[in-house]
Amino acid sequence: MLYSYKQCIETYKTDYLLEKALGEKKLFKIEKSVYSDTPTCSKLAVIAFKRSDSVFTMNSAFLLSGFNS
């Protein structure tokens, strides 16, 4: 599952405890302000998380789904 920085601070309360969770591999930083409870996730999931109003169509949808045209 993906989490924003704000959600992580609500859970861990301080930057120190957030960094500690990252160090203990309880949480993984995917990119700036995007965290996950798994070490990897798809680009599609990150894009959809960051831009909840996004719509994937045609070539980008095929590419992100693994179908090459």
PDB file of N, CA and C in Angstrom:
ATOM      1  N   MET A   1       0.846  -1.171   0.000  1.00  0.00           N
ATOM      2  CA  MET A   1       0.000   0.000   0.000  1.00  0.00           C
ATOM      3  C   MET A   1       0.892   1.235   0.000  1.00  0.00           C
ATOM      4  N   LEU A   2       0.451   2.269  -0.646  1.00  0.00           N
ATOM      5  CA  LEU A   2       1.208   3.515  -0.711  1.00  0.00           C
ATOM      6  C   LEU A   2       0.682   4.517   0.308  1.00  0.00           C
ATOM      7  N   TYR A   3       1.609   5.313   0.842  1.00  0.00           N
ATOM      8  CA  TYR A   3       1.276   6.313   1.850  1.00  0.00           C
ATOM      9  C   TYR A   3       1.945   7.634   1.503  1.00  0.00           C
ATOM     10  N   SER A   4       1.290   8.723   1.825  1.00  0.00           N
ATOM     11  CA  SER A   4       1.898  10.044   1.655  1.00  0.00           C
ATOM     12  C   SER A   4       2.743  10.367   2.889  1.00  0.00           C
ATOM     13  N   TYR A   5       3.549  11.395   2.769  1.00  0.00           N
ATOM     14  CA  TYR A   5       4.356  11.834   3.913  1.00  0.00           C
ATOM     15  C   TYR A   5       3.435  12.188   5.080  1.00  0.00           C
ATOM     16  N   LYS A   6       2.344  12.867   4.773  1.00  0.00           N
ATOM     17  CA  LYS A   6       1.403  13.282   5.819  1.00  0.00           C
ATOM     18  C   LYS A   6       0.829  12.066   6.548  1.00  0.00           C
ATOM     19  N   GLN A   7       0.467  11.023   5.804  1.00  0.00           N
ATOM     20  CA  GLN A   7      -0.059   9.811   6.427  1.00  0.00           C
ATOM     21  C   GLN A   7       1.000   9.130   7.305  1.00  0.00           C
ATOM     22  N   CYS A   8       2.242   9.155   6.843  1.00  0.00           N
ATOM     23  CA  CYS A   8       3.328   8.540   7.623  1.00  0.00           C
ATOM     24  C   CYS A   8       3.574   9.297   8.916  1.00  0.00           C
ATOM     25  N   ILE A   9       3.526  10.614   8.858  1.00  0.00           N
ATOM     26  CA  ILE A   9       3.722  11.419  10.072  1.00  0.00           C
ATOM     27  C   ILE A   9       2.567  11.210  11.048  1.00  0.00           C
ATOM     28  N   GLU A  10       1.348  11.023  10.528  1.00  0.00           N
ATOM     29  CA  GLU A  10       0.216  10.726  11.413  1.00  0.00           C
ATOM     30  C   GLU A  10       0.441   9.405  12.144  1.00  0.00           C
ATOM     31  N   THR A  11       1.070   8.451  11.466  1.00  0.00           N
ATOM     32  CA  THR A  11       1.326   7.141  12.067  1.00  0.00           C
ATOM     33  C   THR A  11       2.537   7.164  12.990  1.00  0.00           C
ATOM     34  N   TYR A  12       3.659   7.721  12.506  1.00  0.00           N
ATOM     35  CA  TYR A  12       4.925   7.653  13.255  1.00  0.00           C
ATOM     36  C   TYR A  12       5.186   8.868  14.137  1.00  0.00           C
ATOM     37  N   LYS A  13       4.411   9.915  13.981  1.00  0.00           N
ATOM     38  CA  LYS A  13       4.419  11.117  14.831  1.00  0.00           C
ATOM     39  C   LYS A  13       5.590  12.080  14.590  1.00  0.00           C
ATOM     40  N   THR A  14       6.809  11.600  14.352  1.00  0.00           N
ATOM     41  CA  THR A  14       7.951  12.497  14.148  1.00  0.00           C
ATOM     42  C   THR A  14       8.799  12.018  12.972  1.00  0.00           C
ATOM     43  N   ASP A  15       9.597  12.938  12.425  1.00  0.00           N
ATOM     44  CA  ASP A  15      10.526  12.575  11.356  1.00  0.00           C
ATOM     45  C   ASP A  15      11.533  11.534  11.838  1.00  0.00           C
ATOM     46  N   TYR A  16      11.945  11.662  13.080  1.00  0.00           N
ATOM     47  CA  TYR A  16      12.914  10.712  13.634  1.00  0.00           C
ATOM     48  C   TYR A  16      12.361   9.288  13.607  1.00  0.00           C
ATOM     49  N   LEU A  17      11.120   9.115  14.071  1.00  0.00           N
ATOM     50  CA  LEU A  17      10.517   7.777  14.094  1.00  0.00           C
ATOM     51  C   LEU A  17      10.226   7.270  12.682  1.00  0.00           C
ATOM     52  N   LEU A  18       9.912   8.181  11.766  1.00  0.00           N
ATOM     53  CA  LEU A  18       9.726   7.800  10.368  1.00  0.00           C
ATOM     54  C   LEU A  18      11.039   7.291   9.782  1.00  0.00           C
ATOM     55  N   GLU A  19      12.119   8.012  10.014  1.00  0.00           N
ATOM     56  CA  GLU A  19      13.436   7.576   9.531  1.00  0.00           C
ATOM     57  C   GLU A  19      13.847   6.247  10.174  1.00  0.00           C
ATOM     58  N   LYS A  20      13.499   6.058  11.433  1.00  0.00           N
ATOM     59  CA  LYS A  20      13.802   4.808  12.122  1.00  0.00           C
ATOM     60  C   LYS A  20      13.050   3.645  11.461  1.00  0.00           C
ATOM     61  N   ALA A  21      11.781   3.855  11.116  1.00  0.00           N
ATOM     62  CA  ALA A  21      10.987   2.826  10.431  1.00  0.00           C
ATOM     63  C   ALA A  21      11.582   2.511   9.065  1.00  0.00           C
ATOM     64  N   LEU A  22      12.074   3.530   8.376  1.00  0.00           N
ATOM     65  CA  LEU A  22      12.733   3.306   7.089  1.00  0.00           C
ATOM     66  C   LEU A  22      13.995   2.475   7.273  1.00  0.00           C
ATOM     67  N   GLY A  23      14.763   2.787   8.299  1.00  0.00           N
ATOM     68  CA  GLY A  23      15.989   2.049   8.588  1.00  0.00           C
ATOM     69  C   GLY A  23      15.744   0.606   8.976  1.00  0.00           C
ATOM     70  N   GLU A  24      14.630   0.357   9.646  1.00  0.00           N
ATOM     71  CA  GLU A  24      14.276  -0.994  10.074  1.00  0.00           C
ATOM     72  C   GLU A  24      13.509  -1.764   8.999  1.00  0.00           C
ATOM     73  N   LYS A  25      13.351  -1.162   7.837  1.00  0.00           N
ATOM     74  CA  LYS A  25      12.660  -1.780   6.693  1.00  0.00           C
ATOM     75  C   LYS A  25      11.188  -2.086   6.987  1.00  0.00           C
ATOM     76  N   LYS A  26      10.587  -1.307   7.875  1.00  0.00           N
ATOM     77  CA  LYS A  26       9.161  -1.424   8.115  1.00  0.00           C
ATOM     78  C   LYS A  26       8.396  -0.615   7.069  1.00  0.00           C
ATOM     79  N   LEU A  27       9.088   0.335   6.465  1.00  0.00           N
ATOM     80  CA  LEU A  27       8.522   1.244   5.485  1.00  0.00           C
ATOM     81  C   LEU A  27       9.601   1.529   4.451  1.00  0.00           C
ATOM     82  N   PHE A  28       9.205   1.785   3.211  1.00  0.00           N
ATOM     83  CA  PHE A  28      10.162   2.028   2.139  1.00  0.00           C
ATOM     84  C   PHE A  28       9.805   3.323   1.427  1.00  0.00           C
ATOM     85  N   LYS A  29      10.825   4.132   1.147  1.00  0.00           N
ATOM     86  CA  LYS A  29      10.608   5.377   0.420  1.00  0.00           C
ATOM     87  C   LYS A  29      10.697   5.072  -1.067  1.00  0.00           C
ATOM     88  N   ILE A  30       9.619   5.303  -1.779  1.00  0.00           N
ATOM     89  CA  ILE A  30       9.559   5.034  -3.208  1.00  0.00           C
ATOM     90  C   ILE A  30      10.088   6.228  -3.980  1.00  0.00           C
ATOM     91  N   GLU A  31       9.627   7.402  -3.627  1.00  0.00           N
ATOM     92  CA  GLU A  31      10.132   8.664  -4.161  1.00  0.00           C
ATOM     93  C   GLU A  31       9.691   9.766  -3.214  1.00  0.00           C
ATOM     94  N   LYS A  32       9.999  10.983  -3.545  1.00  0.00           N
ATOM     95  CA  LYS A  32       9.701  12.095  -2.642  1.00  0.00           C
ATOM     96  C   LYS A  32       8.219  12.083  -2.249  1.00  0.00           C
ATOM     97  N   SER A  33       7.960  12.034  -0.965  1.00  0.00           N
ATOM     98  CA  SER A  33       6.618  12.063  -0.370  1.00  0.00           C
ATOM     99  C   SER A  33       5.756  10.857  -0.701  1.00  0.00           C
ATOM    100  N   VAL A  34       6.367   9.768  -1.192  1.00  0.00           N
ATOM    101  CA  VAL A  34       5.623   8.538  -1.465  1.00  0.00           C
ATOM    102  C   VAL A  34       6.339   7.390  -0.771  1.00  0.00           C
ATOM    103  N   TYR A  35       5.627   6.715   0.121  1.00  0.00           N
ATOM    104  CA  TYR A  35       6.181   5.614   0.900  1.00  0.00           C
ATOM    105  C   TYR A  35       5.324   4.376   0.692  1.00  0.00           C
ATOM    106  N   SER A  36       5.913   3.215   0.930  1.00  0.00           N
ATOM    107  CA  SER A  36       5.198   1.962   0.745  1.00  0.00           C
ATOM    108  C   SER A  36       5.571   0.976   1.841  1.00  0.00           C
ATOM    109  N   ASP A  37       4.681   0.024   2.083  1.00  0.00           N
ATOM    110  CA  ASP A  37       5.001  -1.033   3.040  1.00  0.00           C
ATOM    111  C   ASP A  37       5.675  -2.219   2.355  1.00  0.00           C
ATOM    112  N   THR A  38       5.870  -2.134   1.033  1.00  0.00           N
ATOM    113  CA  THR A  38       6.624  -3.139   0.274  1.00  0.00           C
ATOM    114  C   THR A  38       7.788  -2.435  -0.431  1.00  0.00           C
ATOM    115  N   PRO A  39       8.890  -3.138  -0.668  1.00  0.00           N
ATOM    116  CA  PRO A  39      10.068  -2.480  -1.244  1.00  0.00           C
ATOM    117  C   PRO A  39       9.900  -2.004  -2.683  1.00  0.00           C
ATOM    118  N   THR A  40       9.004  -2.610  -3.433  1.00  0.00           N
ATOM    119  CA  THR A  40       8.781  -2.185  -4.814  1.00  0.00           C
ATOM    120  C   THR A  40       7.299  -2.049  -5.092  1.00  0.00           C
ATOM    121  N   CYS A  41       6.985  -1.233  -6.074  1.00  0.00           N
ATOM    122  CA  CYS A  41       5.604  -1.106  -6.542  1.00  0.00           C
ATOM    123  C   CYS A  41       5.643  -0.614  -7.983  1.00  0.00           C
ATOM    124  N   SER A  42       4.545  -0.763  -8.670  1.00  0.00           N
ATOM    125  CA  SER A  42       4.517  -0.404 -10.085  1.00  0.00           C
ATOM    126  C   SER A  42       4.482   1.113 -10.275  1.00  0.00           C
ATOM    127  N   LYS A  43       4.993   1.536 -11.419  1.00  0.00           N
ATOM    128  CA  LYS A  43       4.951   2.960 -11.756  1.00  0.00           C
ATOM    129  C   LYS A  43       3.509   3.430 -11.877  1.00  0.00           C
ATOM    130  N   LEU A  44       2.663   2.574 -12.402  1.00  0.00           N
ATOM    131  CA  LEU A  44       1.252   2.906 -12.538  1.00  0.00           C
ATOM    132  C   LEU A  44       0.630   3.225 -11.186  1.00  0.00           C
ATOM    133  N   ALA A  45       0.949   2.439 -10.179  1.00  0.00           N
ATOM    134  CA  ALA A  45       0.408   2.671  -8.841  1.00  0.00           C
ATOM    135  C   ALA A  45       0.887   4.008  -8.278  1.00  0.00           C
ATOM    136  N   VAL A  46       2.155   4.346  -8.498  1.00  0.00           N
ATOM    137  CA  VAL A  46       2.701   5.608  -7.998  1.00  0.00           C
ATOM    138  C   VAL A  46       2.044   6.794  -8.702  1.00  0.00           C
ATOM    139  N   ILE A  47       1.903   6.695 -10.021  1.00  0.00           N
ATOM    140  CA  ILE A  47       1.269   7.782 -10.773  1.00  0.00           C
ATOM    141  C   ILE A  47      -0.177   7.964 -10.334  1.00  0.00           C
ATOM    142  N   ALA A  48      -0.902   6.863 -10.209  1.00  0.00           N
ATOM    143  CA  ALA A  48      -2.299   6.937  -9.782  1.00  0.00           C
ATOM    144  C   ALA A  48      -2.417   7.472  -8.357  1.00  0.00           C
ATOM    145  N   PHE A  49      -1.454   7.128  -7.495  1.00  0.00           N
ATOM    146  CA  PHE A  49      -1.465   7.625  -6.118  1.00  0.00           C
ATOM    147  C   PHE A  49      -1.219   9.133  -6.084  1.00  0.00           C
ATOM    148  N   LYS A  50      -0.220   9.583  -6.858  1.00  0.00           N
ATOM    149  CA  LYS A  50       0.123  10.999  -6.844  1.00  0.00           C
ATOM    150  C   LYS A  50      -0.927  11.855  -7.545  1.00  0.00           C
ATOM    151  N   ARG A  51      -1.543  11.307  -8.573  1.00  0.00           N
ATOM    152  CA  ARG A  51      -2.557  12.044  -9.338  1.00  0.00           C
ATOM    153  C   ARG A  51      -3.831  11.220  -9.392  1.00  0.00           C
ATOM    154  N   SER A  52      -4.630  11.305  -8.356  1.00  0.00           N
ATOM    155  CA  SER A  52      -5.827  10.470  -8.264  1.00  0.00           C
ATOM    156  C   SER A  52      -6.852  10.792  -9.352  1.00  0.00           C
ATOM    157  N   ASP A  53      -6.704  11.935 -10.015  1.00  0.00           N
ATOM    158  CA  ASP A  53      -7.630  12.304 -11.081  1.00  0.00           C
ATOM    159  C   ASP A  53      -7.136  11.875 -12.464  1.00  0.00           C
ATOM    160  N   SER A  54      -6.039  11.127 -12.517  1.00  0.00           N
ATOM    161  CA  SER A  54      -5.468  10.732 -13.804  1.00  0.00           C
ATOM    162  C   SER A  54      -6.262   9.605 -14.454  1.00  0.00           C
ATOM    163  N   VAL A  55      -6.218   9.602 -15.789  1.00  0.00           N
ATOM    164  CA  VAL A  55      -6.875   8.574 -16.586  1.00  0.00           C
ATOM    165  C   VAL A  55      -5.849   8.066 -17.590  1.00  0.00           C
ATOM    166  N   PHE A  56      -5.679   6.752 -17.667  1.00  0.00           N
ATOM    167  CA  PHE A  56      -4.723   6.158 -18.591  1.00  0.00           C
ATOM    168  C   PHE A  56      -5.483   5.616 -19.797  1.00  0.00           C
ATOM    169  N   THR A  57      -5.069   6.051 -20.981  1.00  0.00           N
ATOM    170  CA  THR A  57      -5.747   5.620 -22.200  1.00  0.00           C
ATOM    171  C   THR A  57      -4.738   5.209 -23.261  1.00  0.00           C
ATOM    172  N   MET A  58      -5.211   4.473 -24.226  1.00  0.00           N
ATOM    173  CA  MET A  58      -4.478   4.037 -25.416  1.00  0.00           C
ATOM    174  C   MET A  58      -3.055   3.582 -25.129  1.00  0.00           C
ATOM    175  N   ASN A  59      -2.071   4.207 -25.776  1.00  0.00           N
ATOM    176  CA  ASN A  59      -0.689   3.722 -25.716  1.00  0.00           C
ATOM    177  C   ASN A  59      -0.126   3.704 -24.299  1.00  0.00           C
ATOM    178  N   SER A  60      -0.411   4.741 -23.503  1.00  0.00           N
ATOM    179  CA  SER A  60       0.122   4.751 -22.137  1.00  0.00           C
ATOM    180  C   SER A  60      -0.506   3.638 -21.306  1.00  0.00           C
ATOM    181  N   ALA A  61      -1.787   3.366 -21.505  1.00  0.00           N
ATOM    182  CA  ALA A  61      -2.443   2.278 -20.766  1.00  0.00           C
ATOM    183  C   ALA A  61      -1.872   0.930 -21.169  1.00  0.00           C
ATOM    184  N   PHE A  62      -1.636   0.733 -22.465  1.00  0.00           N
ATOM    185  CA  PHE A  62      -1.047  -0.518 -22.931  1.00  0.00           C
ATOM    186  C   PHE A  62       0.359  -0.687 -22.398  1.00  0.00           C
ATOM    187  N   LEU A  63       1.154   0.353 -22.460  1.00  0.00           N
ATOM    188  CA  LEU A  63       2.535   0.295 -21.990  1.00  0.00           C
ATOM    189  C   LEU A  63       2.598   0.007 -20.485  1.00  0.00           C
ATOM    190  N   LEU A  64       1.807   0.712 -19.715  1.00  0.00           N
ATOM    191  CA  LEU A  64       1.799   0.518 -18.273  1.00  0.00           C
ATOM    192  C   LEU A  64       1.230  -0.830 -17.867  1.00  0.00           C
ATOM    193  N   SER A  65       0.371  -1.406 -18.687  1.00  0.00           N
ATOM    194  CA  SER A  65      -0.190  -2.717 -18.398  1.00  0.00           C
ATOM    195  C   SER A  65       0.688  -3.866 -18.869  1.00  0.00           C
ATOM    196  N   GLY A  66       1.753  -3.534 -19.587  1.00  0.00           N
ATOM    197  CA  GLY A  66       2.678  -4.570 -20.047  1.00  0.00           C
ATOM    198  C   GLY A  66       2.428  -5.036 -21.462  1.00  0.00           C
ATOM    199  N   PHE A  67       1.454  -4.432 -22.148  1.00  0.00           N
ATOM    200  CA  PHE A  67       1.201  -4.778 -23.543  1.00  0.00           C
ATOM    201  C   PHE A  67       1.964  -3.816 -24.435  1.00  0.00           C
ATOM    202  N   ASN A  68       2.879  -4.310 -25.203  1.00  0.00           N
ATOM    203  CA  ASN A  68       3.658  -3.448 -26.101  1.00  0.00           C
ATOM    204  C   ASN A  68       3.008  -3.425 -27.463  1.00  0.00           C
ATOM    205  N   SER A  69       2.889  -2.235 -28.013  1.00  0.00           N
ATOM    206  CA  SER A  69       2.253  -2.107 -29.334  1.00  0.00           C
ATOM    207  C   SER A  69       3.273  -2.188 -30.448  1.00  0.00           C
TER     208      SER A  69
END
